[in-house]
Amino acid sequence: MRVWRVVAAGHEAFDGEGARRLGSRWVPKGRLAVYTSATLSLAALELFVHTDPDLMPANLQAIPADIPDDVAVHEIVLSDLPANWRDIPAPAELQEWGRSWIVERKTAILSVPSVVIPTERNYVINPRHTSFRRIHVGEPQDFSFDPRMWKEKSRRP
């Protein structure tokens, strides 16, 4: 399975430090985790919705990673989620699920629905899992958003 990250050039994209420092919907602060997406377009949208346009780095890179088919994945399905799972801030129970997943280390990958597009998947990777070393991180590729994404749209009556 190929997954993607979009990050600022020079960023250690697969060390899990961002999630450790800031926490996230699926992982509490203090735990290493790497967020990836099933497609490059979803990875770009995930970055887009989490970054203020004034703070968006100009030197972005898209980085693929290939996860061998025999690396175990734990999947959280939509029907198992509480009705408010897309709320901001996220319900605390989502971070508890992620914390348990990291601590138990049964799988290297946690498959979760994207809040941005719930029918698509994000993959949280545990860099401390023994299978992590089997994931092949590809070469970074230059990436940029279409400038039209930053235009102010007028509202129609």
C-alpha atoms as a PDB file:
ATOM      1  CA  MET A   1       0.000   0.000   0.000  1.00  0.00           C
ATOM      2  CA  ARG A   2       1.328   3.440  -0.872  1.00  0.00           C
ATOM      3  CA  VAL A   3       0.651   6.349   1.496  1.00  0.00           C
ATOM      4  CA  TRP A   4       1.582  10.033   1.291  1.00  0.00           C
ATOM      5  CA  ARG A   5       2.693  12.980   3.412  1.00  0.00           C
ATOM      6  CA  VAL A   6       3.024  16.623   2.382  1.00  0.00           C
ATOM      7  CA  VAL A   7       5.513  18.519   4.541  1.00  0.00           C
ATOM      8  CA  ALA A   8       7.887  21.471   4.465  1.00  0.00           C
ATOM      9  CA  ALA A   9      11.201  20.630   2.809  1.00  0.00           C
ATOM     10  CA  GLY A  10      13.821  19.595   5.339  1.00  0.00           C
ATOM     11  CA  HIS A  11      11.183  18.358   7.802  1.00  0.00           C
ATOM     12  CA  GLU A  12      11.796  14.895   9.261  1.00  0.00           C
ATOM     13  CA  ALA A  13       8.555  13.590   7.826  1.00  0.00           C
ATOM     14  CA  PHE A  14       8.524  10.121   9.394  1.00  0.00           C
ATOM     15  CA  ASP A  15       9.853  10.643  12.921  1.00  0.00           C
ATOM     16  CA  GLY A  16       6.469  11.256  14.613  1.00  0.00           C
ATOM     17  CA  GLU A  17       7.633  14.375  16.441  1.00  0.00           C
ATOM     18  CA  GLY A  18       4.796  16.614  15.221  1.00  0.00           C
ATOM     19  CA  ALA A  19       2.139  14.403  16.798  1.00  0.00           C
ATOM     20  CA  ARG A  20       4.261  13.999  19.928  1.00  0.00           C
ATOM     21  CA  ARG A  21       4.609  17.759  20.400  1.00  0.00           C
ATOM     22  CA  LEU A  22       1.084  18.809  19.447  1.00  0.00           C
ATOM     23  CA  GLY A  23      -1.194  15.804  19.739  1.00  0.00           C
ATOM     24  CA  SER A  24      -3.922  15.208  17.192  1.00  0.00           C
ATOM     25  CA  ARG A  25      -7.391  13.818  16.686  1.00  0.00           C
ATOM     26  CA  TRP A  26      -6.235  10.215  16.973  1.00  0.00           C
ATOM     27  CA  VAL A  27      -3.092  10.483  19.124  1.00  0.00           C
ATOM     28  CA  PRO A  28      -2.608  12.359  22.398  1.00  0.00           C
ATOM     29  CA  LYS A  29       0.261  14.752  22.992  1.00  0.00           C
ATOM     30  CA  GLY A  30       3.405  12.954  24.077  1.00  0.00           C
ATOM     31  CA  ARG A  31       3.052   9.957  21.731  1.00  0.00           C
ATOM     32  CA  LEU A  32       5.054   9.520  18.526  1.00  0.00           C
ATOM     33  CA  ALA A  33       2.899   9.005  15.419  1.00  0.00           C
ATOM     34  CA  VAL A  34       3.170   9.727  11.704  1.00  0.00           C
ATOM     35  CA  TYR A  35       0.063  10.828   9.828  1.00  0.00           C
ATOM     36  CA  THR A  36      -0.223   9.741   6.216  1.00  0.00           C
ATOM     37  CA  SER A  37      -3.035   9.599   3.669  1.00  0.00           C
ATOM     38  CA  ALA A  38      -4.175   7.063   1.087  1.00  0.00           C
ATOM     39  CA  THR A  39      -3.689   9.548  -1.762  1.00  0.00           C
ATOM     40  CA  LEU A  40      -1.538  12.561  -2.452  1.00  0.00           C
ATOM     41  CA  SER A  41      -4.647  14.695  -2.946  1.00  0.00           C
ATOM     42  CA  LEU A  42      -5.994  13.770   0.501  1.00  0.00           C
ATOM     43  CA  ALA A  43      -2.581  14.423   2.098  1.00  0.00           C
ATOM     44  CA  ALA A  44      -2.630  17.873   0.479  1.00  0.00           C
ATOM     45  CA  LEU A  45      -6.164  18.600   1.701  1.00  0.00           C
ATOM     46  CA  GLU A  46      -5.266  17.483   5.224  1.00  0.00           C
ATOM     47  CA  LEU A  47      -2.362  19.942   5.277  1.00  0.00           C
ATOM     48  CA  PHE A  48      -4.501  22.665   3.693  1.00  0.00           C
ATOM     49  CA  VAL A  49      -7.256  22.499   6.331  1.00  0.00           C
ATOM     50  CA  HIS A  50      -4.747  22.458   9.205  1.00  0.00           C
ATOM     51  CA  THR A  51      -2.586  25.391   8.100  1.00  0.00           C
ATOM     52  CA  ASP A  52      -3.304  29.110   8.045  1.00  0.00           C
ATOM     53  CA  PRO A  53      -2.621  30.465   4.517  1.00  0.00           C
ATOM     54  CA  ASP A  54      -0.220  33.050   5.979  1.00  0.00           C
ATOM     55  CA  LEU A  55       1.819  30.268   7.599  1.00  0.00           C
ATOM     56  CA  MET A  56       1.878  27.777   4.712  1.00  0.00           C
ATOM     57  CA  PRO A  57       5.503  26.949   3.881  1.00  0.00           C
ATOM     58  CA  ALA A  58       6.535  27.820   0.339  1.00  0.00           C
ATOM     59  CA  ASN A  59       8.867  24.848  -0.014  1.00  0.00           C
ATOM     60  CA  LEU A  60       6.569  21.836   0.274  1.00  0.00           C
ATOM     61  CA  GLN A  61       7.403  18.281  -0.603  1.00  0.00           C
ATOM     62  CA  ALA A  62       5.211  15.249  -1.210  1.00  0.00           C
ATOM     63  CA  ILE A  63       6.728  12.069   0.186  1.00  0.00           C
ATOM     64  CA  PRO A  64       5.423   8.605  -0.656  1.00  0.00           C
ATOM     65  CA  ALA A  65       5.906   5.579   1.570  1.00  0.00           C
ATOM     66  CA  ASP A  66       5.264   1.976   0.637  1.00  0.00           C
ATOM     67  CA  ILE A  67       3.892  -0.322   3.306  1.00  0.00           C
ATOM     68  CA  PRO A  68       4.314  -4.038   2.572  1.00  0.00           C
ATOM     69  CA  ASP A  69       1.038  -5.938   2.228  1.00  0.00           C
ATOM     70  CA  ASP A  70       1.899  -8.235   5.132  1.00  0.00           C
ATOM     71  CA  VAL A  71       2.305  -5.379   7.636  1.00  0.00           C
ATOM     72  CA  ALA A  72      -0.747  -5.568   9.900  1.00  0.00           C
ATOM     73  CA  VAL A  73      -3.255  -2.707   9.893  1.00  0.00           C
ATOM     74  CA  HIS A  74      -5.895  -1.997  12.534  1.00  0.00           C
ATOM     75  CA  GLU A  75      -8.920  -0.325  10.944  1.00  0.00           C
ATOM     76  CA  ILE A  76     -11.377   1.942  12.701  1.00  0.00           C
ATOM     77  CA  VAL A  77     -14.621   1.922  10.737  1.00  0.00           C
ATOM     78  CA  LEU A  78     -17.178   4.721  10.571  1.00  0.00           C
ATOM     79  CA  SER A  79     -19.891   2.638  12.214  1.00  0.00           C
ATOM     80  CA  ASP A  80     -17.713   2.263  15.343  1.00  0.00           C
ATOM     81  CA  LEU A  81     -17.281   6.013  15.796  1.00  0.00           C
ATOM     82  CA  PRO A  82     -19.400   8.278  17.994  1.00  0.00           C
ATOM     83  CA  ALA A  83     -21.767  10.642  16.189  1.00  0.00           C
ATOM     84  CA  ASN A  84     -19.571  13.618  17.112  1.00  0.00           C
ATOM     85  CA  TRP A  85     -16.267  12.145  15.861  1.00  0.00           C
ATOM     86  CA  ARG A  86     -15.782  15.022  13.375  1.00  0.00           C
ATOM     87  CA  ASP A  87     -16.191  17.739  16.027  1.00  0.00           C
ATOM     88  CA  ILE A  88     -13.475  20.297  16.680  1.00  0.00           C
ATOM     89  CA  PRO A  89     -12.004  19.769  19.153  1.00  0.00           C
ATOM     90  CA  ALA A  90     -12.207  16.013  18.699  1.00  0.00           C
ATOM     91  CA  PRO A  91     -13.860  13.855  21.350  1.00  0.00           C
ATOM     92  CA  ALA A  92     -11.315  12.633  23.931  1.00  0.00           C
ATOM     93  CA  GLU A  93     -12.232   8.997  23.308  1.00  0.00           C
ATOM     94  CA  LEU A  94     -10.577   9.141  19.854  1.00  0.00           C
ATOM     95  CA  GLN A  95      -7.233  10.013  21.422  1.00  0.00           C
ATOM     96  CA  GLU A  96      -7.755   7.251  23.966  1.00  0.00           C
ATOM     97  CA  TRP A  97      -8.239   4.743  21.130  1.00  0.00           C
ATOM     98  CA  GLY A  98      -5.017   6.002  19.554  1.00  0.00           C
ATOM     99  CA  ARG A  99      -3.135   5.907  22.852  1.00  0.00           C
ATOM    100  CA  SER A 100      -4.214   2.305  23.437  1.00  0.00           C
ATOM    101  CA  TRP A 101      -3.216   1.364  19.882  1.00  0.00           C
ATOM    102  CA  ILE A 102       0.263   2.874  20.331  1.00  0.00           C
ATOM    103  CA  VAL A 103       0.832   1.319  23.766  1.00  0.00           C
ATOM    104  CA  GLU A 104      -0.381  -2.161  22.757  1.00  0.00           C
ATOM    105  CA  ARG A 105       1.798  -2.185  19.578  1.00  0.00           C
ATOM    106  CA  LYS A 106      -0.286  -4.925  17.961  1.00  0.00           C
ATOM    107  CA  THR A 107      -0.038  -3.235  14.545  1.00  0.00           C
ATOM    108  CA  ALA A 108       2.236  -0.629  12.999  1.00  0.00           C
ATOM    109  CA  ILE A 109      -0.621   1.038  11.128  1.00  0.00           C
ATOM    110  CA  LEU A 110      -3.935   2.500  12.320  1.00  0.00           C
ATOM    111  CA  SER A 111      -6.399   3.108   9.478  1.00  0.00           C
ATOM    112  CA  VAL A 112      -8.869   5.900  10.257  1.00  0.00           C
ATOM    113  CA  PRO A 113     -11.468   7.799   8.246  1.00  0.00           C
ATOM    114  CA  SER A 114     -10.508  11.312   7.187  1.00  0.00           C
ATOM    115  CA  VAL A 115     -12.511  14.092   8.795  1.00  0.00           C
ATOM    116  CA  VAL A 116     -12.053  16.084   5.580  1.00  0.00           C
ATOM    117  CA  ILE A 117     -13.507  13.286   3.402  1.00  0.00           C
ATOM    118  CA  PRO A 118     -14.928  10.543   5.640  1.00  0.00           C
ATOM    119  CA  THR A 119     -15.104   7.960   2.846  1.00  0.00           C
ATOM    120  CA  GLU A 120     -11.318   8.208   2.393  1.00  0.00           C
ATOM    121  CA  ARG A 121      -8.610   6.904   4.712  1.00  0.00           C
ATOM    122  CA  ASN A 122      -5.704   8.283   6.657  1.00  0.00           C
ATOM    123  CA  TYR A 123      -3.064   5.959   8.037  1.00  0.00           C
ATOM    124  CA  VAL A 124      -1.379   6.656  11.352  1.00  0.00           C
ATOM    125  CA  ILE A 125       2.006   4.943  11.626  1.00  0.00           C
ATOM    126  CA  ASN A 126       3.671   4.002  14.901  1.00  0.00           C
ATOM    127  CA  PRO A 127       7.413   4.637  14.369  1.00  0.00           C
ATOM    128  CA  ARG A 128       8.233   2.556  17.468  1.00  0.00           C
ATOM    129  CA  HIS A 129       6.565  -0.583  16.140  1.00  0.00           C
ATOM    130  CA  THR A 130       8.955  -3.314  14.995  1.00  0.00           C
ATOM    131  CA  SER A 131       7.382  -3.341  11.489  1.00  0.00           C
ATOM    132  CA  PHE A 132       8.131   0.355  11.001  1.00  0.00           C
ATOM    133  CA  ARG A 133      11.576  -0.426   9.616  1.00  0.00           C
ATOM    134  CA  ARG A 134       9.911  -2.397   6.789  1.00  0.00           C
ATOM    135  CA  ILE A 135       8.161   0.705   5.466  1.00  0.00           C
ATOM    136  CA  HIS A 136      10.040   2.144   2.512  1.00  0.00           C
ATOM    137  CA  VAL A 137      10.015   5.945   2.469  1.00  0.00           C
ATOM    138  CA  GLY A 138      10.389   7.238  -1.082  1.00  0.00           C
ATOM    139  CA  GLU A 139      12.145  10.268  -2.493  1.00  0.00           C
ATOM    140  CA  PRO A 140      10.570  13.656  -1.719  1.00  0.00           C
ATOM    141  CA  GLN A 141       8.987  15.412  -4.680  1.00  0.00           C
ATOM    142  CA  ASP A 142       8.476  19.161  -4.964  1.00  0.00           C
ATOM    143  CA  PHE A 143       4.858  20.076  -4.267  1.00  0.00           C
ATOM    144  CA  SER A 144       2.858  23.293  -4.420  1.00  0.00           C
ATOM    145  CA  PHE A 145      -0.773  24.244  -4.164  1.00  0.00           C
ATOM    146  CA  ASP A 146      -2.583  25.905  -7.033  1.00  0.00           C
ATOM    147  CA  PRO A 147      -2.576  29.641  -6.135  1.00  0.00           C
ATOM    148  CA  ARG A 148      -6.329  29.794  -6.776  1.00  0.00           C
ATOM    149  CA  MET A 149      -6.828  27.885  -3.511  1.00  0.00           C
ATOM    150  CA  TRP A 150      -5.862  31.040  -1.617  1.00  0.00           C
ATOM    151  CA  LYS A 151      -8.299  33.381  -3.401  1.00  0.00           C
ATOM    152  CA  GLU A 152     -11.005  35.007  -1.352  1.00  0.00           C
ATOM    153  CA  LYS A 153     -14.358  33.823  -2.714  1.00  0.00           C
ATOM    154  CA  SER A 154     -17.243  36.255  -2.732  1.00  0.00           C
ATOM    155  CA  ARG A 155     -20.449  34.973  -1.227  1.00  0.00           C
ATOM    156  CA  ARG A 156     -23.497  34.712  -3.386  1.00  0.00           C
ATOM    157  CA  PRO A 157     -26.776  35.979  -1.944  1.00  0.00           C
END
